């Protein structure tokens, strides 16, 4: 086992554990902190793939700005503890069915295809994850999805402002 594989498996374990702990935790602040741990583990995984730009964006945007926003909302609403509500009868079987489908998909990806089938990745590792290559793809090939996403985020922001103003008036 190489050092890169051991580091990858360790970080993957940390990412999966922190994601599970985030979902299970009843305290919103602890959930947000577990999410920060997950973001950091994913950023180091990006570094293992020689995508330093994407790793730094992961840390600054998600672990920095988004988590500050989450913590601000949690503290503003005073929702540190989550109330336990009775679950609906269909949620358990639906969760089990989705978990089985996910495990079957993992099994198909790992063991279902012959080694030579599929599309082999063709990329130049020298330019992979660089700001120039990300910008070229984002504003070239993926310009329309980028603009649609920006419009959706703008609509969500306007909607949040309208909803919060309506609450303050009442």
C-alpha atoms as a PDB file:
ATOM      1  CA  UNK A   1       0.000   0.000   0.000  1.00  0.00           C
ATOM      2  CA  UNK A   2       1.448   3.329  -1.018  1.00  0.00           C
ATOM      3  CA  UNK A   3       1.430   6.434   1.167  1.00  0.00           C
ATOM      4  CA  UNK A   4      -1.005   8.174  -1.201  1.00  0.00           C
ATOM      5  CA  UNK A   5      -3.479   5.294  -0.957  1.00  0.00           C
ATOM      6  CA  UNK A   6      -3.203   5.179   2.834  1.00  0.00           C
ATOM      7  CA  UNK A   7      -3.737   8.940   3.049  1.00  0.00           C
ATOM      8  CA  UNK A   8      -6.689   8.714   0.661  1.00  0.00           C
ATOM      9  CA  UNK A   9      -8.335   5.903   2.645  1.00  0.00           C
ATOM     10  CA  UNK A  10      -7.771   7.735   5.923  1.00  0.00           C
ATOM     11  CA  UNK A  11      -9.203  10.989   4.592  1.00  0.00           C
ATOM     12  CA  UNK A  12     -12.114   9.172   2.971  1.00  0.00           C
ATOM     13  CA  UNK A  13     -12.868   7.573   6.324  1.00  0.00           C
ATOM     14  CA  UNK A  14     -12.728  10.962   8.062  1.00  0.00           C
ATOM     15  CA  UNK A  15     -15.016  12.481   5.406  1.00  0.00           C
ATOM     16  CA  UNK A  16     -17.574   9.669   5.667  1.00  0.00           C
ATOM     17  CA  UNK A  17     -17.465   9.655   9.485  1.00  0.00           C
ATOM     18  CA  UNK A  18     -17.865  13.429   9.739  1.00  0.00           C
ATOM     19  CA  UNK A  19     -20.738  13.389   7.220  1.00  0.00           C
ATOM     20  CA  UNK A  20     -22.506  10.694   9.232  1.00  0.00           C
ATOM     21  CA  UNK A  21     -21.845  12.506  12.510  1.00  0.00           C
ATOM     22  CA  UNK A  22     -23.211  15.702  10.983  1.00  0.00           C
ATOM     23  CA  UNK A  23     -26.452  13.938  10.085  1.00  0.00           C
ATOM     24  CA  UNK A  24     -26.821  12.158  13.416  1.00  0.00           C
ATOM     25  CA  UNK A  25     -25.930  15.068  15.717  1.00  0.00           C
ATOM     26  CA  UNK A  26     -28.893  16.708  17.412  1.00  0.00           C
ATOM     27  CA  UNK A  27     -26.986  19.908  18.152  1.00  0.00           C
ATOM     28  CA  UNK A  28     -26.883  22.264  15.152  1.00  0.00           C
ATOM     29  CA  UNK A  29     -23.566  23.820  16.169  1.00  0.00           C
ATOM     30  CA  UNK A  30     -21.903  20.402  16.380  1.00  0.00           C
ATOM     31  CA  UNK A  31     -23.413  19.484  13.009  1.00  0.00           C
ATOM     32  CA  UNK A  32     -21.912  22.621  11.467  1.00  0.00           C
ATOM     33  CA  UNK A  33     -18.505  21.804  12.977  1.00  0.00           C
ATOM     34  CA  UNK A  34     -18.658  18.254  11.619  1.00  0.00           C
ATOM     35  CA  UNK A  35     -19.469  19.783   8.233  1.00  0.00           C
ATOM     36  CA  UNK A  36     -16.313  21.926   8.480  1.00  0.00           C
ATOM     37  CA  UNK A  37     -14.281  18.766   9.167  1.00  0.00           C
ATOM     38  CA  UNK A  38     -15.859  17.183   6.099  1.00  0.00           C
ATOM     39  CA  UNK A  39     -15.009  20.212   3.948  1.00  0.00           C
ATOM     40  CA  UNK A  40     -11.396  20.123   5.114  1.00  0.00           C
ATOM     41  CA  UNK A  41     -11.068  16.397   4.382  1.00  0.00           C
ATOM     42  CA  UNK A  42     -12.500  16.895   0.898  1.00  0.00           C
ATOM     43  CA  UNK A  43     -10.099  19.805   0.317  1.00  0.00           C
ATOM     44  CA  UNK A  44      -7.127  17.589   1.173  1.00  0.00           C
ATOM     45  CA  UNK A  45      -8.518  14.935  -1.188  1.00  0.00           C
ATOM     46  CA  UNK A  46      -8.485  17.597  -3.904  1.00  0.00           C
ATOM     47  CA  UNK A  47      -4.864  18.307  -3.040  1.00  0.00           C
ATOM     48  CA  UNK A  48      -4.081  14.611  -3.496  1.00  0.00           C
ATOM     49  CA  UNK A  49      -5.448  14.909  -7.035  1.00  0.00           C
ATOM     50  CA  UNK A  50      -3.149  17.893  -7.707  1.00  0.00           C
ATOM     51  CA  UNK A  51      -6.116  20.284  -7.850  1.00  0.00           C
ATOM     52  CA  UNK A  52      -4.760  22.989  -5.551  1.00  0.00           C
ATOM     53  CA  UNK A  53      -7.035  25.728  -6.887  1.00  0.00           C
ATOM     54  CA  UNK A  54     -10.192  23.698  -6.277  1.00  0.00           C
ATOM     55  CA  UNK A  55      -8.937  22.761  -2.795  1.00  0.00           C
ATOM     56  CA  UNK A  56      -8.381  26.407  -1.870  1.00  0.00           C
ATOM     57  CA  UNK A  57     -11.790  27.362  -3.261  1.00  0.00           C
ATOM     58  CA  UNK A  58     -13.280  24.542  -1.179  1.00  0.00           C
ATOM     59  CA  UNK A  59     -11.680  25.928   1.981  1.00  0.00           C
ATOM     60  CA  UNK A  60     -12.345  29.624   1.397  1.00  0.00           C
ATOM     61  CA  UNK A  61     -15.858  29.405  -0.012  1.00  0.00           C
ATOM     62  CA  UNK A  62     -17.377  26.455   1.809  1.00  0.00           C
ATOM     63  CA  UNK A  63     -15.443  26.112   5.054  1.00  0.00           C
ATOM     64  CA  UNK A  64     -15.118  29.880   5.314  1.00  0.00           C
ATOM     65  CA  UNK A  65     -18.008  31.880   3.934  1.00  0.00           C
ATOM     66  CA  UNK A  66     -20.799  29.296   3.850  1.00  0.00           C
ATOM     67  CA  UNK A  67     -20.086  28.005   7.355  1.00  0.00           C
ATOM     68  CA  UNK A  68     -20.007  31.553   8.751  1.00  0.00           C
ATOM     69  CA  UNK A  69     -23.423  32.056   7.178  1.00  0.00           C
ATOM     70  CA  UNK A  70     -24.722  28.769   8.653  1.00  0.00           C
ATOM     71  CA  UNK A  71     -23.436  29.659  12.114  1.00  0.00           C
ATOM     72  CA  UNK A  72     -24.939  33.138  11.853  1.00  0.00           C
ATOM     73  CA  UNK A  73     -28.337  31.707  10.964  1.00  0.00           C
ATOM     74  CA  UNK A  74     -28.136  29.068  13.713  1.00  0.00           C
ATOM     75  CA  UNK A  75     -27.248  31.650  16.345  1.00  0.00           C
ATOM     76  CA  UNK A  76     -29.776  34.193  15.027  1.00  0.00           C
ATOM     77  CA  UNK A  77     -32.656  31.728  15.093  1.00  0.00           C
ATOM     78  CA  UNK A  78     -31.579  30.158  18.373  1.00  0.00           C
ATOM     79  CA  UNK A  79     -31.965  26.688  16.889  1.00  0.00           C
ATOM     80  CA  UNK A  80     -29.000  24.986  18.520  1.00  0.00           C
ATOM     81  CA  UNK A  81     -31.071  21.975  19.583  1.00  0.00           C
ATOM     82  CA  UNK A  82     -33.333  20.096  17.195  1.00  0.00           C
ATOM     83  CA  UNK A  83     -36.697  18.952  18.470  1.00  0.00           C
ATOM     84  CA  UNK A  84     -37.464  15.269  18.072  1.00  0.00           C
ATOM     85  CA  UNK A  85     -40.536  14.860  15.915  1.00  0.00           C
ATOM     86  CA  UNK A  86     -42.340  11.608  15.209  1.00  0.00           C
ATOM     87  CA  UNK A  87     -41.250  10.168  11.884  1.00  0.00           C
ATOM     88  CA  UNK A  88     -43.622   9.368   9.095  1.00  0.00           C
ATOM     89  CA  UNK A  89     -44.347   5.709   8.379  1.00  0.00           C
ATOM     90  CA  UNK A  90     -42.949   5.810   4.825  1.00  0.00           C
ATOM     91  CA  UNK A  91     -39.571   7.304   5.747  1.00  0.00           C
ATOM     92  CA  UNK A  92     -38.006   4.102   7.106  1.00  0.00           C
ATOM     93  CA  UNK A  93     -38.758   1.867   4.100  1.00  0.00           C
ATOM     94  CA  UNK A  94     -37.831   4.672   1.676  1.00  0.00           C
ATOM     95  CA  UNK A  95     -34.480   5.161   3.423  1.00  0.00           C
ATOM     96  CA  UNK A  96     -33.750   1.428   3.311  1.00  0.00           C
ATOM     97  CA  UNK A  97     -34.686   1.222  -0.394  1.00  0.00           C
ATOM     98  CA  UNK A  98     -32.456   4.192  -1.243  1.00  0.00           C
ATOM     99  CA  UNK A  99     -29.563   2.757   0.787  1.00  0.00           C
ATOM    100  CA  UNK A 100     -29.870  -0.575  -1.047  1.00  0.00           C
ATOM    101  CA  UNK A 101     -29.937   1.246  -4.408  1.00  0.00           C
ATOM    102  CA  UNK A 102     -26.811   3.198  -3.428  1.00  0.00           C
ATOM    103  CA  UNK A 103     -24.954   0.027  -2.403  1.00  0.00           C
ATOM    104  CA  UNK A 104     -25.968  -1.667  -5.676  1.00  0.00           C
ATOM    105  CA  UNK A 105     -24.675   1.313  -7.663  1.00  0.00           C
ATOM    106  CA  UNK A 106     -21.362   1.224  -5.778  1.00  0.00           C
ATOM    107  CA  UNK A 107     -21.108  -2.488  -6.475  1.00  0.00           C
ATOM    108  CA  UNK A 108     -21.797  -1.983 -10.171  1.00  0.00           C
ATOM    109  CA  UNK A 109     -19.207   0.766 -10.473  1.00  0.00           C
ATOM    110  CA  UNK A 110     -16.554  -1.175  -8.562  1.00  0.00           C
ATOM    111  CA  UNK A 111     -17.152  -4.728  -9.764  1.00  0.00           C
ATOM    112  CA  UNK A 112     -19.714  -4.734 -12.581  1.00  0.00           C
ATOM    113  CA  UNK A 113     -17.718  -3.436 -15.523  1.00  0.00           C
ATOM    114  CA  UNK A 114     -14.736  -5.032 -17.207  1.00  0.00           C
ATOM    115  CA  UNK A 115     -11.485  -3.132 -16.703  1.00  0.00           C
ATOM    116  CA  UNK A 116     -11.142  -2.039 -20.344  1.00  0.00           C
ATOM    117  CA  UNK A 117     -14.711  -0.811 -20.809  1.00  0.00           C
ATOM    118  CA  UNK A 118     -15.852   2.726 -20.383  1.00  0.00           C
ATOM    119  CA  UNK A 119     -14.200   5.998 -21.152  1.00  0.00           C
ATOM    120  CA  UNK A 120     -10.661   6.423 -19.995  1.00  0.00           C
ATOM    121  CA  UNK A 121      -9.937   9.849 -18.525  1.00  0.00           C
ATOM    122  CA  UNK A 122      -8.067  12.061 -20.932  1.00  0.00           C
ATOM    123  CA  UNK A 123      -6.681  15.133 -19.249  1.00  0.00           C
ATOM    124  CA  UNK A 124      -3.379  16.843 -18.966  1.00  0.00           C
ATOM    125  CA  UNK A 125      -2.309  16.577 -15.310  1.00  0.00           C
ATOM    126  CA  UNK A 126      -0.206  19.709 -15.703  1.00  0.00           C
ATOM    127  CA  UNK A 127      -3.273  21.915 -16.229  1.00  0.00           C
ATOM    128  CA  UNK A 128      -5.795  19.934 -14.179  1.00  0.00           C
ATOM    129  CA  UNK A 129      -7.476  22.131 -11.582  1.00  0.00           C
ATOM    130  CA  UNK A 130      -5.583  25.293 -12.498  1.00  0.00           C
ATOM    131  CA  UNK A 131      -7.483  28.602 -12.403  1.00  0.00           C
ATOM    132  CA  UNK A 132      -7.060  28.997 -16.170  1.00  0.00           C
ATOM    133  CA  UNK A 133      -8.523  25.567 -16.976  1.00  0.00           C
ATOM    134  CA  UNK A 134     -11.398  26.002 -14.513  1.00  0.00           C
ATOM    135  CA  UNK A 135     -12.208  29.437 -15.935  1.00  0.00           C
ATOM    136  CA  UNK A 136     -11.969  28.176 -19.513  1.00  0.00           C
ATOM    137  CA  UNK A 137     -14.432  25.365 -18.799  1.00  0.00           C
ATOM    138  CA  UNK A 138     -16.734  27.426 -16.592  1.00  0.00           C
ATOM    139  CA  UNK A 139     -17.113  30.359 -18.969  1.00  0.00           C
ATOM    140  CA  UNK A 140     -16.826  28.338 -22.169  1.00  0.00           C
ATOM    141  CA  UNK A 141     -18.427  24.916 -22.142  1.00  0.00           C
ATOM    142  CA  UNK A 142     -20.521  25.437 -18.972  1.00  0.00           C
ATOM    143  CA  UNK A 143     -21.553  29.089 -19.417  1.00  0.00           C
ATOM    144  CA  UNK A 144     -25.313  28.442 -19.623  1.00  0.00           C
ATOM    145  CA  UNK A 145     -25.479  26.238 -16.484  1.00  0.00           C
ATOM    146  CA  UNK A 146     -23.308  28.810 -14.677  1.00  0.00           C
ATOM    147  CA  UNK A 147     -25.700  31.627 -15.572  1.00  0.00           C
ATOM    148  CA  UNK A 148     -28.789  29.542 -14.707  1.00  0.00           C
ATOM    149  CA  UNK A 149     -27.252  28.766 -11.311  1.00  0.00           C
ATOM    150  CA  UNK A 150     -26.560  32.447 -10.706  1.00  0.00           C
ATOM    151  CA  UNK A 151     -30.181  33.295 -11.531  1.00  0.00           C
ATOM    152  CA  UNK A 152     -31.446  30.568  -9.172  1.00  0.00           C
ATOM    153  CA  UNK A 153     -29.240  31.869  -6.373  1.00  0.00           C
ATOM    154  CA  UNK A 154     -30.448  35.413  -7.017  1.00  0.00           C
ATOM    155  CA  UNK A 155     -34.092  34.261  -6.896  1.00  0.00           C
ATOM    156  CA  UNK A 156     -33.432  32.383  -3.652  1.00  0.00           C
ATOM    157  CA  UNK A 157     -31.794  35.450  -2.123  1.00  0.00           C
ATOM    158  CA  UNK A 158     -34.689  37.721  -3.126  1.00  0.00           C
ATOM    159  CA  UNK A 159     -37.155  35.146  -1.807  1.00  0.00           C
ATOM    160  CA  UNK A 160     -35.369  34.950   1.536  1.00  0.00           C
ATOM    161  CA  UNK A 161     -35.399  38.729   1.841  1.00  0.00           C
ATOM    162  CA  UNK A 162     -39.112  38.909   0.992  1.00  0.00           C
ATOM    163  CA  UNK A 163     -39.975  36.158   3.478  1.00  0.00           C
ATOM    164  CA  UNK A 164     -37.931  37.703   6.264  1.00  0.00           C
ATOM    165  CA  UNK A 165     -39.441  41.151   5.670  1.00  0.00           C
ATOM    166  CA  UNK A 166     -42.954  39.664   5.777  1.00  0.00           C
ATOM    167  CA  UNK A 167     -42.153  38.013   9.115  1.00  0.00           C
ATOM    168  CA  UNK A 168     -40.835  41.238  10.628  1.00  0.00           C
ATOM    169  CA  UNK A 169     -44.003  43.142   9.728  1.00  0.00           C
ATOM    170  CA  UNK A 170     -46.294  40.697  11.514  1.00  0.00           C
END
